[in-house]
Amino acid sequence: MLAKEYEQSIWKYALASVAVTVSSLGFGRMSYGIIMPFMKENLQMSYKQAGMLATTISIGYLLMVIFVGLLVSRYGAKKLVIFGTALVSFGLFMLSLVTSYGLTIAAMLLLGIGTAFTYTPLITILVGWFPRKRGMLIGFLVSGMGLGTLISSSLIPFFTTWFGEFGWRYLWFFYGVLSVVSIMIAVSILRDPPIPLVKKEQQKRTFWTRVYLNKRVLRVAFIYGLVGFAYLVPQSFLFSYILEVGLTKYQAGQIMAICGVMSIVSGPLWGTVSDRIGRKTALLSTLGIGSVSLVLPVLFPVYLGLVASQFLWGMTIVGMLSLCQALSTEQVHPTYAPVALGYVTFFFAAGQLLGPGIGGWIIDHFEQIPLALLMCSILLGVAFVLSFRIKEHAVDLDVTELESKPVLSTFSMDKPSAE
């Protein structure tokens, strides 16, 4: 009976986590690249201004994400998830009403801050309750980005057809409503996990020595930063590139939807694979394929080439994110896992901060979107080379006692269910 409760709880938590991630990362971050061409035209923005909006989300994320891990230990992960998703909902509603570039910047900043308060605590909850399934569950969590991309790609043609030039406003409002629903789901299902104790001899070692100066954590952080720099540029500008090469907005929506579909599948797929063959091998595979996928639109700017590119990109980008996140939580004692995750995510957010802005500048200066895609491909290649130095099973030996105990034993403390 206990095993059955355990399996049911896994899927309940996966459902709630995906719902929240669709709202925060899917709608709050990934949807912007798809809606951007219509906002750009209606608000009369340049590519540089459009890129700065994506960068603003990253600024909000960057300002808060490094502190979130510390806040989790003080206030609990669930409260932060609810608070963050509420901020995202407010930002989405605000975007449906903006009339100036300044207000749009403010709304984007709220989205970034809200996402920071949401995502790291969610991973803390999942890893805390289900440490041996962290790869698969983090994969499900990140798949919410792909689901959000799929929904946006599917809805934007209809909203712009039904409501004309203001269709993007109604779409942001619709996202806000769905985000409120995700808050209700999170409130009813999520519970804070029990926190493992740190041994007395370990308590003398501070966050600086256990996390911030940990070479294993820093290696993962730098790789994650390169991925962060690369991954938002295609999402921000590829839709526009597809339109520039002569395809219709419906074809562009179909191509971006392929990426969304594959992103939904790839998170749990690569997470499960990494639980079996190791995170390093899985990460090398995703980085290699992802780097190649960004060259394809440059070499083959036709329908089939763009389809192949988005198929491969969607199949790997979510894997890169989930694997880096899972790796970060394995480098330290479970008590420090949210701090380590927040720390490496700071590097990721810094990469996101630079990526869209520099990508937009390159496009405006050289009038070539393909140059921005090639830049991202090269950065993923660098991350691929650096990943060879990642050690398998690098978690501290004095932490393995927690993993050696049955995970089901934690249910006696506080069952992770909606009951």
Protein backbone atom coordinates (compact mmCIF):
# COMPACT_ATOMS: atom_id res chain seq x y z
CA MET A 1 0.00 0.00 0.00
CA LEU A 2 2.88 2.29 0.84
CA ALA A 3 4.46 1.73 -2.58
CA LYS A 4 1.14 2.57 -4.23
CA GLU A 5 0.90 5.82 -2.25
CA TYR A 6 4.45 6.60 -3.30
CA GLU A 7 3.72 6.15 -7.01
CA GLN A 8 0.52 8.18 -6.78
CA SER A 9 2.35 11.00 -5.02
CA ILE A 10 5.04 11.10 -7.71
CA TRP A 11 2.48 11.73 -10.43
CA LYS A 12 0.53 14.25 -8.36
CA TYR A 13 3.70 16.22 -7.76
CA ALA A 14 4.68 15.93 -11.41
CA LEU A 15 1.27 17.31 -12.43
CA ALA A 16 1.41 20.25 -10.03
CA SER A 17 5.01 21.07 -10.94
CA VAL A 18 4.31 21.02 -14.68
CA ALA A 19 1.25 23.26 -14.19
CA VAL A 20 3.30 25.85 -12.30
CA THR A 21 6.20 25.63 -14.76
CA VAL A 22 3.88 26.12 -17.74
CA SER A 23 2.71 29.37 -16.13
CA SER A 24 6.09 30.70 -15.03
CA LEU A 25 8.58 29.45 -17.60
CA GLY A 26 6.20 28.49 -20.41
CA PHE A 27 3.96 31.56 -20.47
CA GLY A 28 6.13 34.01 -18.55
CA ARG A 29 9.37 33.42 -20.48
CA MET A 30 9.22 31.15 -23.51
CA SER A 31 6.04 32.59 -25.01
CA TYR A 32 7.55 36.03 -25.50
CA GLY A 33 9.63 35.02 -28.52
CA ILE A 34 6.50 33.82 -30.29
CA ILE A 35 4.35 36.83 -29.39
CA MET A 36 7.22 39.32 -29.86
CA PRO A 37 6.77 40.01 -33.62
CA PHE A 38 3.18 41.15 -33.02
CA MET A 39 4.08 43.20 -29.93
CA LYS A 40 7.04 44.71 -31.82
CA GLU A 41 4.80 45.88 -34.65
CA ASN A 42 1.97 47.15 -32.45
CA LEU A 43 4.23 48.94 -29.97
CA GLN A 44 6.64 50.08 -32.71
CA MET A 45 9.80 48.59 -31.20
CA SER A 46 13.19 47.90 -32.79
CA TYR A 47 14.84 44.48 -32.59
CA LYS A 48 17.18 45.87 -29.97
CA GLN A 49 14.25 47.02 -27.83
CA ALA A 50 12.53 43.67 -28.33
CA GLY A 51 15.71 41.89 -27.26
CA MET A 52 15.97 44.09 -24.18
CA LEU A 53 12.51 42.98 -23.08
CA ALA A 54 13.71 39.38 -23.00
CA THR A 55 16.83 40.58 -21.21
CA THR A 56 14.67 42.37 -18.62
CA ILE A 57 13.04 39.08 -17.68
CA SER A 58 16.52 37.69 -17.11
CA ILE A 59 17.45 40.73 -14.98
CA GLY A 60 14.50 40.11 -12.67
CA TYR A 61 15.43 36.46 -12.50
CA LEU A 62 19.09 37.26 -11.86
CA LEU A 63 18.32 39.73 -9.07
CA MET A 64 16.47 37.16 -6.98
CA VAL A 65 17.54 33.64 -7.92
CA ILE A 66 20.77 33.58 -5.90
CA PHE A 67 18.81 34.47 -2.73
CA VAL A 68 15.93 32.04 -3.26
CA GLY A 69 17.84 29.00 -1.99
CA LEU A 70 18.49 30.78 1.30
CA LEU A 71 14.85 31.90 1.54
CA VAL A 72 13.67 28.31 1.05
CA SER A 73 15.35 27.20 4.28
CA ARG A 74 13.71 30.07 6.17
CA TYR A 75 10.18 30.30 4.79
CA GLY A 76 9.63 26.92 3.13
CA ALA A 77 9.54 26.05 -0.56
CA LYS A 78 5.77 25.91 -1.00
CA LYS A 79 5.16 29.51 0.14
CA LEU A 80 7.74 30.77 -2.33
CA VAL A 81 6.20 28.76 -5.18
CA ILE A 82 2.78 30.28 -4.51
CA PHE A 83 4.17 33.80 -4.14
CA GLY A 84 6.26 33.51 -7.33
CA THR A 85 3.40 32.18 -9.43
CA ALA A 86 1.17 35.02 -8.17
CA LEU A 87 3.79 37.56 -9.34
CA VAL A 88 3.91 35.87 -12.74
CA SER A 89 0.12 36.00 -13.02
CA PHE A 90 0.11 39.71 -12.23
CA GLY A 91 2.82 40.32 -14.82
CA LEU A 92 0.86 38.43 -17.48
CA PHE A 93 -2.30 40.43 -16.82
CA MET A 94 -0.21 43.61 -16.91
CA LEU A 95 1.18 42.73 -20.34
CA SER A 96 -2.34 42.53 -21.74
CA LEU A 97 -2.86 46.20 -20.79
CA VAL A 98 0.50 47.90 -21.47
CA THR A 99 0.47 51.00 -23.66
CA SER A 100 4.13 52.05 -23.46
CA TYR A 101 7.58 50.53 -23.59
CA GLY A 102 8.25 51.51 -19.98
CA LEU A 103 5.22 49.62 -18.65
CA THR A 104 6.20 46.63 -20.77
CA ILE A 105 9.66 46.66 -19.17
CA ALA A 106 8.04 46.71 -15.71
CA ALA A 107 5.80 43.76 -16.55
CA MET A 108 8.75 41.76 -17.88
CA LEU A 109 10.69 42.49 -14.69
CA LEU A 110 7.82 41.06 -12.64
CA LEU A 111 7.82 37.91 -14.76
CA GLY A 112 11.53 37.41 -14.13
CA ILE A 113 11.26 37.93 -10.37
CA GLY A 114 8.21 35.67 -10.14
CA THR A 115 9.94 32.89 -12.05
CA ALA A 116 12.94 33.06 -9.69
CA PHE A 117 10.66 32.59 -6.68
CA THR A 118 8.90 29.68 -8.36
CA TYR A 119 11.36 27.39 -10.08
CA THR A 120 14.16 26.70 -7.57
CA PRO A 121 11.74 25.96 -4.70
CA LEU A 122 9.84 23.57 -6.97
CA ILE A 123 12.99 21.55 -7.62
CA THR A 124 13.74 21.60 -3.88
CA ILE A 125 10.33 20.02 -3.22
CA LEU A 126 10.76 17.33 -5.88
CA VAL A 127 14.33 16.41 -4.95
CA GLY A 128 13.44 16.44 -1.25
CA TRP A 129 10.60 13.93 -1.61
CA PHE A 130 11.96 11.80 -4.45
CA PRO A 131 15.81 11.94 -4.49
CA ARG A 132 16.25 8.73 -6.51
CA LYS A 133 13.88 9.97 -9.23
CA ARG A 134 15.33 13.47 -9.48
CA GLY A 135 16.39 13.12 -13.11
CA MET A 136 12.94 12.09 -14.32
CA LEU A 137 11.03 14.56 -12.14
CA ILE A 138 13.22 17.55 -12.97
CA GLY A 139 12.74 16.52 -16.60
CA PHE A 140 8.97 16.68 -16.13
CA LEU A 141 9.36 20.04 -14.43
CA VAL A 142 11.38 21.56 -17.26
CA SER A 143 8.99 20.06 -19.82
CA GLY A 144 6.55 22.75 -18.74
CA MET A 145 8.59 25.15 -20.89
CA GLY A 146 7.96 23.01 -23.93
CA LEU A 147 4.26 22.75 -23.15
CA GLY A 148 4.05 26.53 -22.83
CA THR A 149 5.82 26.92 -26.19
CA LEU A 150 3.41 24.45 -27.79
CA ILE A 151 0.37 26.26 -26.43
CA SER A 152 1.70 29.63 -27.59
CA SER A 153 2.61 28.37 -31.04
CA SER A 154 -0.84 26.85 -31.44
CA LEU A 155 -2.83 29.82 -30.14
CA ILE A 156 -1.04 32.86 -31.57
CA PRO A 157 -2.33 32.42 -35.17
CA PHE A 158 -5.92 32.12 -33.94
CA PHE A 159 -5.76 35.03 -31.50
CA THR A 160 -4.21 37.33 -34.09
CA THR A 161 -6.87 36.27 -36.61
CA TRP A 162 -9.82 36.62 -34.24
CA PHE A 163 -8.75 39.85 -32.54
CA GLY A 164 -6.54 41.41 -35.22
CA GLU A 165 -3.58 43.55 -34.21
CA PHE A 166 -4.55 43.35 -30.51
CA GLY A 167 -4.73 39.56 -30.45
CA TRP A 168 -1.49 39.36 -28.49
CA ARG A 169 -3.10 41.30 -25.64
CA TYR A 170 -5.95 38.82 -25.30
CA LEU A 171 -3.43 35.97 -25.37
CA TRP A 172 -1.44 37.43 -22.46
CA PHE A 173 -4.69 37.82 -20.52
CA PHE A 174 -5.62 34.19 -21.23
CA TYR A 175 -2.22 33.11 -19.90
CA GLY A 176 -2.88 35.08 -16.73
CA VAL A 177 -6.13 33.20 -16.15
CA LEU A 178 -4.41 29.83 -16.63
CA SER A 179 -1.70 30.89 -14.18
CA VAL A 180 -4.30 31.52 -11.49
CA VAL A 181 -5.55 27.96 -12.06
CA SER A 182 -2.00 26.63 -11.61
CA ILE A 183 -1.78 28.42 -8.24
CA MET A 184 -4.87 26.57 -7.04
CA ILE A 185 -3.39 23.25 -8.16
CA ALA A 186 -0.12 23.94 -6.35
CA VAL A 187 -1.91 24.93 -3.12
CA SER A 188 -3.89 21.68 -3.07
CA ILE A 189 -1.05 19.26 -3.89
CA LEU A 190 2.42 20.50 -2.93
CA ARG A 191 3.91 19.98 0.52
CA ASP A 192 7.31 20.96 1.92
CA PRO A 193 9.65 17.95 2.19
CA PRO A 194 11.50 16.92 5.38
CA ILE A 195 14.96 18.47 5.62
CA PRO A 196 17.88 16.05 6.30
CA LEU A 197 20.19 17.00 9.13
CA VAL A 198 23.78 18.09 8.56
CA LYS A 199 26.42 16.26 10.60
CA LYS A 200 28.03 18.28 13.41
CA GLU A 201 31.45 18.26 11.78
CA GLN A 202 29.91 19.62 8.58
CA GLN A 203 28.12 22.49 10.31
CA LYS A 204 31.42 24.32 10.77
CA ARG A 205 31.77 24.61 7.01
CA THR A 206 29.91 27.60 5.58
CA PHE A 207 27.97 28.06 2.36
CA TRP A 208 31.14 29.54 0.89
CA THR A 209 33.17 26.36 1.27
CA ARG A 210 30.33 23.88 0.76
CA VAL A 211 28.73 25.60 -2.25
CA TYR A 212 30.13 28.84 -3.61
CA LEU A 213 33.80 27.75 -3.75
CA ASN A 214 33.05 24.11 -4.54
CA LYS A 215 34.92 23.33 -7.79
CA ARG A 216 32.36 20.74 -8.85
CA VAL A 217 29.53 23.22 -8.40
CA LEU A 218 31.45 25.94 -10.26
CA ARG A 219 32.09 23.64 -13.22
CA VAL A 220 28.38 22.88 -13.55
CA ALA A 221 27.60 26.58 -13.07
CA PHE A 222 29.87 27.68 -15.92
CA ILE A 223 28.43 25.10 -18.32
CA TYR A 224 24.92 26.11 -17.28
CA GLY A 225 25.81 29.75 -17.91
CA LEU A 226 26.84 28.98 -21.50
CA VAL A 227 23.57 27.11 -22.05
CA GLY A 228 21.67 30.06 -20.59
CA PHE A 229 23.39 32.46 -22.98
CA ALA A 230 22.46 30.32 -25.96
CA TYR A 231 18.96 29.05 -25.35
CA LEU A 232 16.83 32.23 -25.31
CA VAL A 233 18.23 33.65 -28.55
CA PRO A 234 16.53 31.09 -30.84
CA GLN A 235 13.30 31.44 -28.87
CA SER A 236 13.39 35.23 -29.21
CA PHE A 237 14.30 35.58 -32.89
CA LEU A 238 13.75 32.32 -34.79
CA PHE A 239 10.04 33.00 -35.33
CA SER A 240 10.96 36.30 -37.01
CA TYR A 241 13.66 34.55 -39.07
CA ILE A 242 11.13 32.00 -40.32
CA LEU A 243 8.90 34.85 -41.50
CA GLU A 244 11.88 36.62 -43.11
CA VAL A 245 12.80 33.60 -45.27
CA GLY A 246 9.33 33.69 -46.80
CA LEU A 247 7.21 31.25 -44.80
CA THR A 248 3.77 32.21 -43.49
CA LYS A 249 2.91 32.83 -39.86
CA TYR A 250 0.95 29.55 -39.85
CA GLN A 251 3.99 27.62 -41.07
CA ALA A 252 6.11 29.45 -38.51
CA GLY A 253 3.65 28.48 -35.80
CA GLN A 254 3.79 24.84 -36.94
CA ILE A 255 7.59 24.81 -36.87
CA MET A 256 7.77 26.36 -33.41
CA ALA A 257 5.09 23.91 -32.23
CA ILE A 258 7.39 21.03 -33.23
CA CYS A 259 9.97 22.42 -30.82
CA GLY A 260 7.30 22.65 -28.13
CA VAL A 261 6.15 19.06 -28.61
CA MET A 262 9.69 17.70 -28.48
CA SER A 263 10.48 19.83 -25.42
CA ILE A 264 7.59 18.25 -23.54
CA VAL A 265 8.93 14.77 -24.27
CA SER A 266 12.65 15.43 -23.98
CA GLY A 267 12.72 16.54 -20.34
CA PRO A 268 11.42 13.32 -18.81
CA LEU A 269 13.23 11.29 -21.52
CA TRP A 270 16.71 12.68 -20.85
CA GLY A 271 16.08 12.72 -17.11
CA THR A 272 15.18 9.04 -17.10
CA VAL A 273 18.09 8.20 -19.39
CA SER A 274 20.50 10.07 -17.12
CA ASP A 275 19.20 8.18 -14.07
CA ARG A 276 20.40 5.01 -15.84
CA ILE A 277 23.48 5.86 -17.94
CA GLY A 278 24.79 8.86 -16.01
CA ARG A 279 24.33 12.62 -16.27
CA LYS A 280 27.67 13.25 -18.02
CA THR A 281 26.96 11.01 -21.02
CA ALA A 282 23.44 12.37 -21.32
CA LEU A 283 24.63 15.99 -21.08
CA LEU A 284 27.30 15.47 -23.76
CA SER A 285 24.65 14.01 -26.07
CA THR A 286 22.25 16.93 -25.64
CA LEU A 287 24.94 19.59 -26.07
CA GLY A 288 26.32 17.98 -29.23
CA ILE A 289 22.94 17.56 -30.91
CA GLY A 290 21.77 21.00 -29.80
CA SER A 291 24.84 22.70 -31.27
CA VAL A 292 24.26 21.05 -34.64
CA SER A 293 20.55 21.94 -34.60
CA LEU A 294 21.30 25.69 -34.56
CA VAL A 295 23.47 25.45 -37.68
CA LEU A 296 20.72 23.84 -39.75
CA PRO A 297 18.56 27.01 -40.21
CA VAL A 298 21.64 28.82 -41.52
CA LEU A 299 22.62 26.13 -44.00
CA PHE A 300 19.08 25.12 -44.99
CA PRO A 301 16.70 28.11 -44.59
CA VAL A 302 13.76 26.19 -46.05
CA TYR A 303 10.75 24.50 -44.50
CA LEU A 304 12.33 21.04 -44.08
CA GLY A 305 15.59 22.47 -42.75
CA LEU A 306 13.76 24.57 -40.18
CA VAL A 307 11.58 21.61 -39.18
CA ALA A 308 14.67 19.44 -38.64
CA SER A 309 16.33 22.22 -36.64
CA GLN A 310 13.39 22.70 -34.28
CA PHE A 311 12.90 18.96 -33.91
CA LEU A 312 16.50 18.50 -32.72
CA TRP A 313 16.53 21.72 -30.69
CA GLY A 314 13.31 20.83 -28.89
CA MET A 315 14.58 17.30 -28.28
CA THR A 316 17.73 18.53 -26.51
CA ILE A 317 17.39 22.01 -24.98
CA VAL A 318 15.15 20.88 -22.14
CA GLY A 319 17.53 17.98 -21.54
CA MET A 320 20.44 20.41 -21.13
CA LEU A 321 18.55 22.42 -18.53
CA SER A 322 17.25 19.50 -16.50
CA LEU A 323 20.62 17.70 -16.50
CA CYS A 324 22.53 20.77 -15.31
CA GLN A 325 19.97 21.29 -12.56
CA ALA A 326 20.08 17.66 -11.46
CA LEU A 327 23.89 17.73 -11.47
CA SER A 328 23.97 20.82 -9.25
CA THR A 329 21.85 19.15 -6.55
CA GLU A 330 24.17 16.14 -6.47
CA GLN A 331 27.36 18.05 -5.75
CA VAL A 332 26.49 18.97 -2.13
CA HIS A 333 24.67 17.75 0.97
CA PRO A 334 20.85 17.73 0.41
CA THR A 335 20.50 20.57 2.93
CA TYR A 336 22.54 22.79 0.59
CA ALA A 337 20.85 21.56 -2.60
CA PRO A 338 18.54 24.61 -3.01
CA VAL A 339 21.49 26.94 -2.39
CA ALA A 340 23.62 25.12 -4.99
CA LEU A 341 20.75 25.15 -7.46
CA GLY A 342 20.16 28.86 -6.92
CA TYR A 343 23.89 29.51 -7.29
CA VAL A 344 24.32 27.71 -10.62
CA THR A 345 21.06 29.21 -11.84
CA PHE A 346 22.58 32.64 -11.18
CA PHE A 347 25.17 31.82 -13.86
CA PHE A 348 22.38 30.58 -16.12
CA ALA A 349 20.41 33.78 -15.55
CA ALA A 350 23.53 35.86 -16.23
CA GLY A 351 23.86 34.07 -19.55
CA GLN A 352 20.22 34.78 -20.30
CA LEU A 353 20.79 38.42 -19.41
CA LEU A 354 23.51 38.74 -22.03
CA GLY A 355 22.13 36.43 -24.71
CA PRO A 356 19.00 38.14 -26.11
CA GLY A 357 20.48 41.63 -25.80
CA ILE A 358 23.71 40.72 -27.60
CA GLY A 359 21.74 38.64 -30.08
CA GLY A 360 19.46 41.59 -30.82
CA TRP A 361 22.46 43.91 -31.22
CA ILE A 362 24.11 41.51 -33.69
CA ILE A 363 20.90 41.29 -35.70
CA ASP A 364 20.41 45.07 -35.77
CA HIS A 365 24.08 45.80 -36.53
CA PHE A 366 24.70 43.15 -39.20
CA GLU A 367 21.06 42.68 -40.26
CA GLN A 368 21.59 38.94 -40.05
CA ILE A 369 19.61 36.69 -37.67
CA PRO A 370 21.72 33.63 -38.74
CA LEU A 371 24.83 35.20 -37.14
CA ALA A 372 23.10 35.10 -33.75
CA LEU A 373 22.22 31.43 -34.25
CA LEU A 374 25.82 30.57 -35.16
CA MET A 375 27.05 32.34 -32.04
CA CYS A 376 24.79 30.15 -29.90
CA SER A 377 25.95 27.00 -31.69
CA ILE A 378 29.59 27.83 -30.93
CA LEU A 379 28.83 28.47 -27.25
CA LEU A 380 27.13 25.08 -26.92
CA GLY A 381 30.22 23.55 -28.54
CA VAL A 382 32.37 25.12 -25.83
CA ALA A 383 30.03 23.72 -23.16
CA PHE A 384 30.33 20.31 -24.82
CA VAL A 385 34.12 20.36 -24.45
CA LEU A 386 33.95 21.51 -20.82
CA SER A 387 31.48 18.76 -19.95
CA PHE A 388 34.16 16.10 -20.48
CA ARG A 389 35.64 17.22 -17.13
CA ILE A 390 32.47 16.51 -15.17
CA LYS A 391 32.93 13.56 -12.83
CA GLU A 392 30.27 10.88 -12.60
CA HIS A 393 28.61 10.49 -9.19
CA ALA A 394 30.49 13.48 -7.75
CA VAL A 395 28.23 13.77 -4.69
CA ASP A 396 30.11 13.87 -1.39
CA LEU A 397 30.67 10.43 0.13
CA ASP A 398 29.40 11.63 3.51
CA VAL A 399 26.02 12.40 1.94
CA THR A 400 25.31 8.92 0.57
CA GLU A 401 23.73 7.76 3.80
CA LEU A 402 20.59 9.67 2.87
CA GLU A 403 20.43 8.04 -0.57
CA SER A 404 21.03 4.58 0.91
CA LYS A 405 17.86 4.81 2.99
CA PRO A 406 14.52 3.95 1.37
CA VAL A 407 12.82 7.11 0.15
CA LEU A 408 9.51 5.74 1.43
CA SER A 409 10.72 6.24 4.99
CA THR A 410 10.28 9.99 4.59
CA PHE A 411 6.54 9.52 4.19
CA SER A 412 6.22 8.78 7.87
CA MET A 413 7.21 12.37 8.52
CA ASP A 414 4.82 14.10 6.17
CA LYS A 415 3.22 12.35 3.19
CA PRO A 416 3.57 14.33 -0.02
CA SER A 417 -0.03 14.17 -1.04
CA ALA A 418 -3.04 16.41 -1.38
CA GLU A 419 -4.71 14.83 1.62
